[in-house]
C-alpha atoms as a PDB file:
ATOM      1  CA  MET A   1       6.516  11.273  -2.636  1.00  0.00           C
ATOM      2  CA  VAL A   2       6.802   8.360  -5.035  1.00  0.00           C
ATOM      3  CA  SER A   3       4.862   9.028  -8.352  1.00  0.00           C
ATOM      4  CA  SER A   4       3.782   5.643 -10.399  1.00  0.00           C
ATOM      5  CA  GLN A   5       1.550   5.662 -13.577  1.00  0.00           C
ATOM      6  CA  SER A   6      -0.274   2.408 -14.665  1.00  0.00           C
ATOM      7  CA  GLY A   7      -3.731   0.976 -16.760  1.00  0.00           C
ATOM      8  CA  GLY A   8      -3.548   4.768 -17.271  1.00  0.00           C
ATOM      9  CA  ARG A   9      -4.072   6.468 -14.842  1.00  0.00           C
ATOM     10  CA  ARG A  10      -1.712   8.544 -12.697  1.00  0.00           C
ATOM     11  CA  HIS A  11      -1.532   8.326  -8.565  1.00  0.00           C
ATOM     12  CA  THR A  12       0.596   9.544  -6.310  1.00  0.00           C
ATOM     13  CA  GLN A  13       2.094   7.181  -3.210  1.00  0.00           C
ATOM     14  CA  SER A  14       3.935   8.028  -0.222  1.00  0.00           C
ATOM     15  CA  GLN A  15       7.173   6.860   0.233  1.00  0.00           C
ATOM     16  CA  PRO A  16       7.040   3.795   2.606  1.00  0.00           C
ATOM     17  CA  GLY A  17      10.192   3.698   4.984  1.00  0.00           C
ATOM     18  CA  PRO A  18      11.663   0.119   5.191  1.00  0.00           C
ATOM     19  CA  ARG A  19      10.109  -1.663   8.581  1.00  0.00           C
ATOM     20  CA  SER A  20       6.719  -0.277   7.069  1.00  0.00           C
ATOM     21  CA  GLN A  21       7.776  -2.616   4.269  1.00  0.00           C
ATOM     22  CA  ASP A  22       8.686  -5.248   6.605  1.00  0.00           C
ATOM     23  CA  SER A  23       5.726  -5.295   8.676  1.00  0.00           C
ATOM     24  CA  ALA A  24       3.821  -5.004   5.892  1.00  0.00           C
ATOM     25  CA  GLU A  25       4.933  -7.973   4.278  1.00  0.00           C
ATOM     26  CA  ALA A  26       4.881  -9.931   7.575  1.00  0.00           C
ATOM     27  CA  TRP A  27       1.176  -9.409   7.858  1.00  0.00           C
ATOM     28  CA  LEU A  28       0.422 -10.593   4.520  1.00  0.00           C
ATOM     29  CA  ARG A  29       2.693 -13.567   4.931  1.00  0.00           C
ATOM     30  CA  ALA A  30       0.736 -14.809   8.129  1.00  0.00           C
ATOM     31  CA  ARG A  31      -2.889 -13.251   6.560  1.00  0.00           C
ATOM     32  CA  ALA A  32      -3.238 -13.216   3.362  1.00  0.00           C
ATOM     33  CA  ARG A  33      -3.225 -16.708   0.869  1.00  0.00           C
ATOM     34  CA  LEU A  34      -3.805 -16.487  -2.962  1.00  0.00           C
ATOM     35  CA  ALA A  35      -7.358 -18.391  -4.469  1.00  0.00           C
ATOM     36  CA  PRO A  36      -5.798 -21.695  -6.631  1.00  0.00           C
ATOM     37  CA  ASN A  37      -4.932 -21.699  -9.736  1.00  0.00           C
ATOM     38  CA  LEU A  38      -5.855 -17.643  -9.872  1.00  0.00           C
ATOM     39  CA  LEU A  39      -4.366 -16.622 -13.023  1.00  0.00           C
ATOM     40  CA  SER A  40      -4.849 -19.696 -15.212  1.00  0.00           C
ATOM     41  CA  GLN A  41      -8.451 -18.775 -14.874  1.00  0.00           C
ATOM     42  CA  SER A  42      -8.758 -15.053 -14.863  1.00  0.00           C
ATOM     43  CA  PRO A  43      -9.191 -12.849 -18.397  1.00  0.00           C
ATOM     44  CA  PRO A  44      -6.528 -12.648 -20.521  1.00  0.00           C
ATOM     45  CA  TRP A  45      -6.576  -8.961 -19.629  1.00  0.00           C
ATOM     46  CA  VAL A  46      -5.357  -9.689 -16.205  1.00  0.00           C
ATOM     47  CA  ARG A  47      -2.955 -12.412 -17.154  1.00  0.00           C
ATOM     48  CA  SER A  48      -1.117  -9.799 -19.357  1.00  0.00           C
ATOM     49  CA  VAL A  49      -1.020  -7.582 -16.324  1.00  0.00           C
ATOM     50  CA  PHE A  50       0.841 -10.303 -14.578  1.00  0.00           C
ATOM     51  CA  ASP A  51       3.651 -12.566 -15.289  1.00  0.00           C
ATOM     52  CA  HIS A  52       3.515 -14.856 -12.567  1.00  0.00           C
ATOM     53  CA  ALA A  53       1.863 -16.377 -10.285  1.00  0.00           C
ATOM     54  CA  TRP A  54       2.714 -14.607  -7.211  1.00  0.00           C
ATOM     55  CA  ALA A  55       2.511 -11.191  -8.897  1.00  0.00           C
ATOM     56  CA  PRO A  56      -0.939 -10.093  -7.660  1.00  0.00           C
ATOM     57  CA  MET A  57       0.305 -10.556  -4.020  1.00  0.00           C
ATOM     58  CA  ALA A  58       3.251  -8.757  -4.956  1.00  0.00           C
ATOM     59  CA  ALA A  59       0.746  -5.882  -6.384  1.00  0.00           C
ATOM     60  CA  LEU A  60      -1.207  -5.999  -3.080  1.00  0.00           C
ATOM     61  CA  THR A  61       1.699  -5.991  -1.531  1.00  0.00           C
ATOM     62  CA  GLN A  62       2.466  -2.694  -2.767  1.00  0.00           C
ATOM     63  CA  GLN A  63      -0.179  -0.793  -2.726  1.00  0.00           C
ATOM     64  CA  VAL A  64      -0.809  -1.555   0.830  1.00  0.00           C
ATOM     65  CA  ARG A  65       3.668  -0.702   1.820  1.00  0.00           C
ATOM     66  CA  PRO A  66       2.615   3.334   2.194  1.00  0.00           C
ATOM     67  CA  LEU A  67       0.635   2.457   5.334  1.00  0.00           C
ATOM     68  CA  PRO A  68       2.636   2.940   8.937  1.00  0.00           C
ATOM     69  CA  ALA A  69       4.369  -0.003  10.818  1.00  0.00           C
ATOM     70  CA  GLY A  70       2.959   0.777  13.962  1.00  0.00           C
ATOM     71  CA  LEU A  71      -0.466  -1.143  11.926  1.00  0.00           C
ATOM     72  CA  TRP A  72       1.110  -3.798  10.775  1.00  0.00           C
ATOM     73  CA  GLU A  73       1.847  -4.587  14.323  1.00  0.00           C
ATOM     74  CA  ALA A  74      -1.029  -3.808  15.970  1.00  0.00           C
ATOM     75  CA  LEU A  75      -2.990  -5.944  13.095  1.00  0.00           C
ATOM     76  CA  LEU A  76      -0.257  -9.028  14.312  1.00  0.00           C
ATOM     77  CA  GLY A  77      -1.572  -8.804  17.569  1.00  0.00           C
ATOM     78  CA  PHE A  78      -5.358  -9.734  16.744  1.00  0.00           C
ATOM     79  CA  GLN A  79      -6.213 -13.369  15.977  1.00  0.00           C
ATOM     80  CA  THR A  80      -8.606 -12.290  13.596  1.00  0.00           C
ATOM     81  CA  GLY A  81      -8.452 -10.176   9.760  1.00  0.00           C
ATOM     82  CA  PHE A  82      -7.673 -11.801   6.993  1.00  0.00           C
ATOM     83  CA  VAL A  83      -7.277 -11.585   3.127  1.00  0.00           C
ATOM     84  CA  ALA A  84      -7.916 -13.939   0.157  1.00  0.00           C
ATOM     85  CA  ILE A  85      -7.491 -12.572  -3.458  1.00  0.00           C
ATOM     86  CA  GLY A  86      -9.362 -13.811  -5.594  1.00  0.00           C
ATOM     87  CA  HIS A  87     -12.326 -13.853  -8.659  1.00  0.00           C
ATOM     88  CA  HIS A  88     -14.887 -12.312  -6.196  1.00  0.00           C
ATOM     89  CA  GLU A  89     -15.040  -8.426  -5.741  1.00  0.00           C
ATOM     90  CA  SER A  90     -13.627  -6.559  -2.912  1.00  0.00           C
ATOM     91  CA  TYR A  91     -15.519  -6.169  -0.155  1.00  0.00           C
ATOM     92  CA  TYR A  92     -14.914  -7.013   3.540  1.00  0.00           C
ATOM     93  CA  LEU A  93     -16.996  -9.617   5.724  1.00  0.00           C
ATOM     94  CA  PRO A  94     -16.963  -9.435   9.192  1.00  0.00           C
ATOM     95  CA  GLY A  95     -17.422 -12.687  10.805  1.00  0.00           C
ATOM     96  CA  PRO A  96     -16.529 -16.606  10.072  1.00  0.00           C
ATOM     97  CA  ALA A  97     -15.334 -17.211   6.842  1.00  0.00           C
ATOM     98  CA  THR A  98     -13.479 -20.073   5.523  1.00  0.00           C
ATOM     99  CA  LEU A  99      -9.816 -19.116   3.621  1.00  0.00           C
ATOM    100  CA  ALA A 100      -7.858 -21.930   1.890  1.00  0.00           C
ATOM    101  CA  GLY A 101      -9.976 -24.558   3.720  1.00  0.00           C
ATOM    102  CA  ARG A 102      -9.608 -22.677   7.408  1.00  0.00           C
ATOM    103  CA  GLU A 103     -12.103 -21.386   9.577  1.00  0.00           C
ATOM    104  CA  VAL A 104     -10.928 -17.641  10.181  1.00  0.00           C
ATOM    105  CA  GLN A 105     -13.056 -14.689  11.263  1.00  0.00           C
ATOM    106  CA  ASN A 106     -13.062 -11.540   9.802  1.00  0.00           C
ATOM    107  CA  LEU A 107     -12.254 -11.639   5.780  1.00  0.00           C
ATOM    108  CA  ALA A 108     -10.856  -8.795   3.374  1.00  0.00           C
ATOM    109  CA  PHE A 109     -11.753 -10.545  -1.000  1.00  0.00           C
ATOM    110  CA  VAL A 110      -9.852  -8.578  -2.929  1.00  0.00           C
ATOM    111  CA  SER A 111     -10.304  -8.863  -6.522  1.00  0.00           C
ATOM    112  CA  VAL A 112      -7.619  -9.652  -8.727  1.00  0.00           C
ATOM    113  CA  GLU A 113      -9.183  -7.247 -11.235  1.00  0.00           C
ATOM    114  CA  ASP A 114      -9.391  -4.360  -8.881  1.00  0.00           C
ATOM    115  CA  LEU A 115      -5.639  -5.501  -8.329  1.00  0.00           C
ATOM    116  CA  ALA A 116      -4.854  -5.706 -12.366  1.00  0.00           C
ATOM    117  CA  ARG A 117      -6.604  -2.332 -13.230  1.00  0.00           C
ATOM    118  CA  ASP A 118      -4.536  -0.420  -9.876  1.00  0.00           C
ATOM    119  CA  ASN A 119      -7.366   1.112  -8.756  1.00  0.00           C
ATOM    120  CA  GLU A 120      -8.354   1.590  -4.555  1.00  0.00           C
ATOM    121  CA  ARG A 121     -10.409  -1.132  -3.796  1.00  0.00           C
ATOM    122  CA  PRO A 122      -8.176  -3.289  -2.604  1.00  0.00           C
ATOM    123  CA  LEU A 123      -7.058  -0.620  -0.040  1.00  0.00           C
ATOM    124  CA  HIS A 124     -10.306   0.063   0.855  1.00  0.00           C
ATOM    125  CA  VAL A 125     -11.257  -3.158   1.902  1.00  0.00           C
ATOM    126  CA  ILE A 126      -8.095  -3.236   3.991  1.00  0.00           C
ATOM    127  CA  GLY A 127      -9.470   0.213   5.366  1.00  0.00           C
ATOM    128  CA  HIS A 128     -12.841  -1.659   6.400  1.00  0.00           C
ATOM    129  CA  LEU A 129     -10.279  -4.447   8.117  1.00  0.00           C
ATOM    130  CA  ILE A 130      -8.369  -1.654   9.998  1.00  0.00           C
ATOM    131  CA  ASP A 131     -11.340   0.154  11.272  1.00  0.00           C
ATOM    132  CA  HIS A 132     -13.146  -2.948  12.583  1.00  0.00           C
ATOM    133  CA  HIS A 133      -9.843  -4.312  14.222  1.00  0.00           C
ATOM    134  CA  LEU A 134      -8.869  -0.626  16.118  1.00  0.00           C
ATOM    135  CA  GLY A 135     -12.303   0.212  16.985  1.00  0.00           C
ATOM    136  CA  CYS A 136     -13.484  -3.310  18.753  1.00  0.00           C
ATOM    137  CA  GLY A 137     -11.001  -5.940  18.318  1.00  0.00           C
ATOM    138  CA  GLY A 138     -12.804  -7.072  15.313  1.00  0.00           C
ATOM    139  CA  THR A 139     -15.373  -8.269  17.315  1.00  0.00           C
ATOM    140  CA  PRO A 140     -19.379  -9.133  16.014  1.00  0.00           C
ATOM    141  CA  GLU A 141     -20.218  -6.549  18.554  1.00  0.00           C
ATOM    142  CA  GLY A 142     -18.708  -3.114  19.141  1.00  0.00           C
ATOM    143  CA  ALA A 143     -18.324   0.061  17.603  1.00  0.00           C
ATOM    144  CA  TRP A 144     -15.776   0.812  14.406  1.00  0.00           C
ATOM    145  CA  LEU A 145     -13.150   3.297  15.062  1.00  0.00           C
ATOM    146  CA  SER A 146     -15.094   5.373  12.276  1.00  0.00           C
ATOM    147  CA  GLU A 147     -18.211   5.244  14.587  1.00  0.00           C
ATOM    148  CA  GLY A 148     -16.768   6.548  17.940  1.00  0.00           C
ATOM    149  CA  GLY A 149     -14.782   2.865  18.810  1.00  0.00           C
ATOM    150  CA  GLY A 150     -11.532   2.523  20.062  1.00  0.00           C
ATOM    151  CA  ILE A 151     -10.127  -0.644  21.885  1.00  0.00           C
ATOM    152  CA  ARG A 152      -7.077   1.977  23.451  1.00  0.00           C
ATOM    153  CA  PRO A 153      -7.975   5.146  24.871  1.00  0.00           C
ATOM    154  CA  ARG A 154      -6.095   7.193  22.464  1.00  0.00           C
ATOM    155  CA  TRP A 155      -7.579   5.481  19.848  1.00  0.00           C
ATOM    156  CA  LYS A 156     -10.875   5.348  21.166  1.00  0.00           C
ATOM    157  CA  GLU A 157     -10.246   9.467  21.582  1.00  0.00           C
ATOM    158  CA  ALA A 158      -9.683   9.649  17.798  1.00  0.00           C
ATOM    159  CA  GLY A 159     -12.173   7.477  16.792  1.00  0.00           C
ATOM    160  CA  GLY A 160     -14.895  10.220  18.562  1.00  0.00           C
ATOM    161  CA  ARG A 161     -13.648  13.009  16.437  1.00  0.00           C
ATOM    162  CA  LEU A 162     -14.887  10.499  13.079  1.00  0.00           C
ATOM    163  CA  PRO A 163     -18.170  10.656  12.633  1.00  0.00           C
ATOM    164  CA  ARG A 164     -17.990  15.179  13.285  1.00  0.00           C
ATOM    165  CA  LEU A 165     -16.006  15.116  10.279  1.00  0.00           C
ATOM    166  CA  PHE A 166     -17.791  13.067   7.760  1.00  0.00           C
ATOM    167  CA  ALA A 167     -21.038  14.784   8.974  1.00  0.00           C
ATOM    168  CA  LEU A 168     -19.380  17.922   7.599  1.00  0.00           C
ATOM    169  CA  GLY A 169     -19.931  16.783   4.300  1.00  0.00           C
ATOM    170  CA  TYR A 170     -16.583  17.044   2.667  1.00  0.00           C
ATOM    171  CA  ALA A 171     -16.176  13.926   1.726  1.00  0.00           C
ATOM    172  CA  VAL A 172     -13.378  13.309  -1.111  1.00  0.00           C
ATOM    173  CA  ASP A 173     -15.481  11.433  -3.140  1.00  0.00           C
ATOM    174  CA  GLU A 174     -19.471   9.510  -3.842  1.00  0.00           C
ATOM    175  CA  VAL A 175     -17.819   6.543  -2.292  1.00  0.00           C
ATOM    176  CA  ALA A 176     -16.575   7.748   0.579  1.00  0.00           C
ATOM    177  CA  GLY A 177     -19.876   9.502   1.414  1.00  0.00           C
ATOM    178  CA  ALA A 178     -21.923   6.585   1.396  1.00  0.00           C
ATOM    179  CA  SER A 179     -21.566   6.143   5.227  1.00  0.00           C
ATOM    180  CA  VAL A 180     -19.107   6.712   8.204  1.00  0.00           C
ATOM    181  CA  ARG A 181     -17.406   3.018   7.779  1.00  0.00           C
ATOM    182  CA  ASP A 182     -16.843   4.520   4.246  1.00  0.00           C
ATOM    183  CA  TYR A 183     -15.218   7.841   4.964  1.00  0.00           C
ATOM    184  CA  PHE A 184     -12.021   6.008   6.879  1.00  0.00           C
ATOM    185  CA  ALA A 185     -11.868   3.415   4.233  1.00  0.00           C
ATOM    186  CA  GLN A 186     -11.717   5.687   1.146  1.00  0.00           C
ATOM    187  CA  SER A 187      -9.729   8.348   2.541  1.00  0.00           C
ATOM    188  CA  LEU A 188      -7.536   6.117   4.109  1.00  0.00           C
ATOM    189  CA  ALA A 189      -6.879   4.254   0.807  1.00  0.00           C
ATOM    190  CA  LEU A 190      -6.349   8.241  -0.873  1.00  0.00           C
ATOM    191  CA  TYR A 191      -4.007   9.636   1.470  1.00  0.00           C
ATOM    192  CA  CYS A 192      -1.871   6.208   0.674  1.00  0.00           C
ATOM    193  CA  ARG A 193      -2.486   6.646  -3.025  1.00  0.00           C
ATOM    194  CA  GLU A 194      -3.531  10.203  -3.866  1.00  0.00           C
ATOM    195  CA  ARG A 195      -3.188  12.656  -0.675  1.00  0.00           C
ATOM    196  CA  PRO A 196      -3.188  15.929  -2.838  1.00  0.00           C
ATOM    197  CA  ARG A 197      -6.558  15.245  -4.194  1.00  0.00           C
ATOM    198  CA  LEU A 198      -7.803  14.123  -0.918  1.00  0.00           C
ATOM    199  CA  ASN A 199      -6.006  17.082   0.584  1.00  0.00           C
ATOM    200  CA  VAL A 200      -8.016  19.554  -1.775  1.00  0.00           C
ATOM    201  CA  ALA A 201     -11.420  18.208  -1.313  1.00  0.00           C
ATOM    202  CA  ASP A 202     -10.919  17.606   2.632  1.00  0.00           C
ATOM    203  CA  PRO A 203      -8.071  18.950   4.665  1.00  0.00           C
ATOM    204  CA  GLN A 204      -9.533  18.022   7.826  1.00  0.00           C
ATOM    205  CA  ILE A 205      -9.573  14.138   7.043  1.00  0.00           C
ATOM    206  CA  ASP A 206      -5.905  14.581   5.613  1.00  0.00           C
ATOM    207  CA  LYS A 207      -5.328  16.160   8.995  1.00  0.00           C
ATOM    208  CA  TRP A 208      -6.966  13.467  11.399  1.00  0.00           C
ATOM    209  CA  LEU A 209      -5.269  10.703   9.050  1.00  0.00           C
ATOM    210  CA  ARG A 210      -1.580  12.786   9.433  1.00  0.00           C
ATOM    211  CA  SER A 211      -2.036  13.088  13.581  1.00  0.00           C
ATOM    212  CA  THR A 212      -3.537   9.738  14.297  1.00  0.00           C
ATOM    213  CA  LEU A 213      -2.499   6.352  11.592  1.00  0.00           C
ATOM    214  CA  TRP A 214       0.554   8.502  10.495  1.00  0.00           C
ATOM    215  CA  HIS A 215       1.862   9.363  13.858  1.00  0.00           C
ATOM    216  CA  ALA A 216       3.933   7.191  15.930  1.00  0.00           C
ATOM    217  CA  GLY A 217       2.344   8.041  18.869  1.00  0.00           C
ATOM    218  CA  PHE A 218      -0.738   6.771  18.366  1.00  0.00           C
ATOM    219  CA  TRP A 219       0.696   3.204  18.498  1.00  0.00           C
ATOM    220  CA  ARG A 220       3.293   3.709  21.451  1.00  0.00           C
ATOM    221  CA  ALA A 221       1.870   1.623  24.381  1.00  0.00           C
ATOM    222  CA  GLU A 222      -0.681   3.278  27.362  1.00  0.00           C
ATOM    223  CA  ALA A 223      -0.076   2.906  30.952  1.00  0.00           C
ATOM    224  CA  ASP A 224      -2.558   0.789  32.567  1.00  0.00           C
ATOM    225  CA  PRO A 225      -4.476   3.668  34.417  1.00  0.00           C
ATOM    226  CA  GLY A 226      -5.315   0.935  37.035  1.00  0.00           C
END
């Protein structure tokens, strides 16, 4: 584990391997975009955090690097799932959206202010994107992973356990306790950023994440049953 401190808040972060770093950067290059004139139109305090125009993207890259390499490779296999860094609040929008003049599907909006504050909101909204795509391939219909979905048998088996874990009532905070989708997204974010806190509050979701997304076998191709 490595520790970092930003904005007065200390958090722990898993040390990513080279493959995970490369995969995260490849996905962001393909799917993430900065709003035009982002920093020049930002509040002075945000400009004081970021010293060049590309710095918000570098901050997002740093946040998502602890996520496993197999995840990024899986996400690159979908035609949907994008990220826009801008002045809006951080939230996930399933369905059609516009990004850099292009029509896309399933867009995670990441606030440049959340990146400047170095809080967990960017990872939370990307968690929704992950949940949606692993659960039903990012389609408008179908269960997300957190709702018991899963487009591969191994993913569906893992997703089937999440509603039961949520029902136990040990969510790490009020955000995680709001819904089963928020339970997955917030737990994922804190597993990357504040794992000791997550493990104390909700050891079962910590174990679930360790044995699923952070387990190489979770991403291994499965034999066609037919």
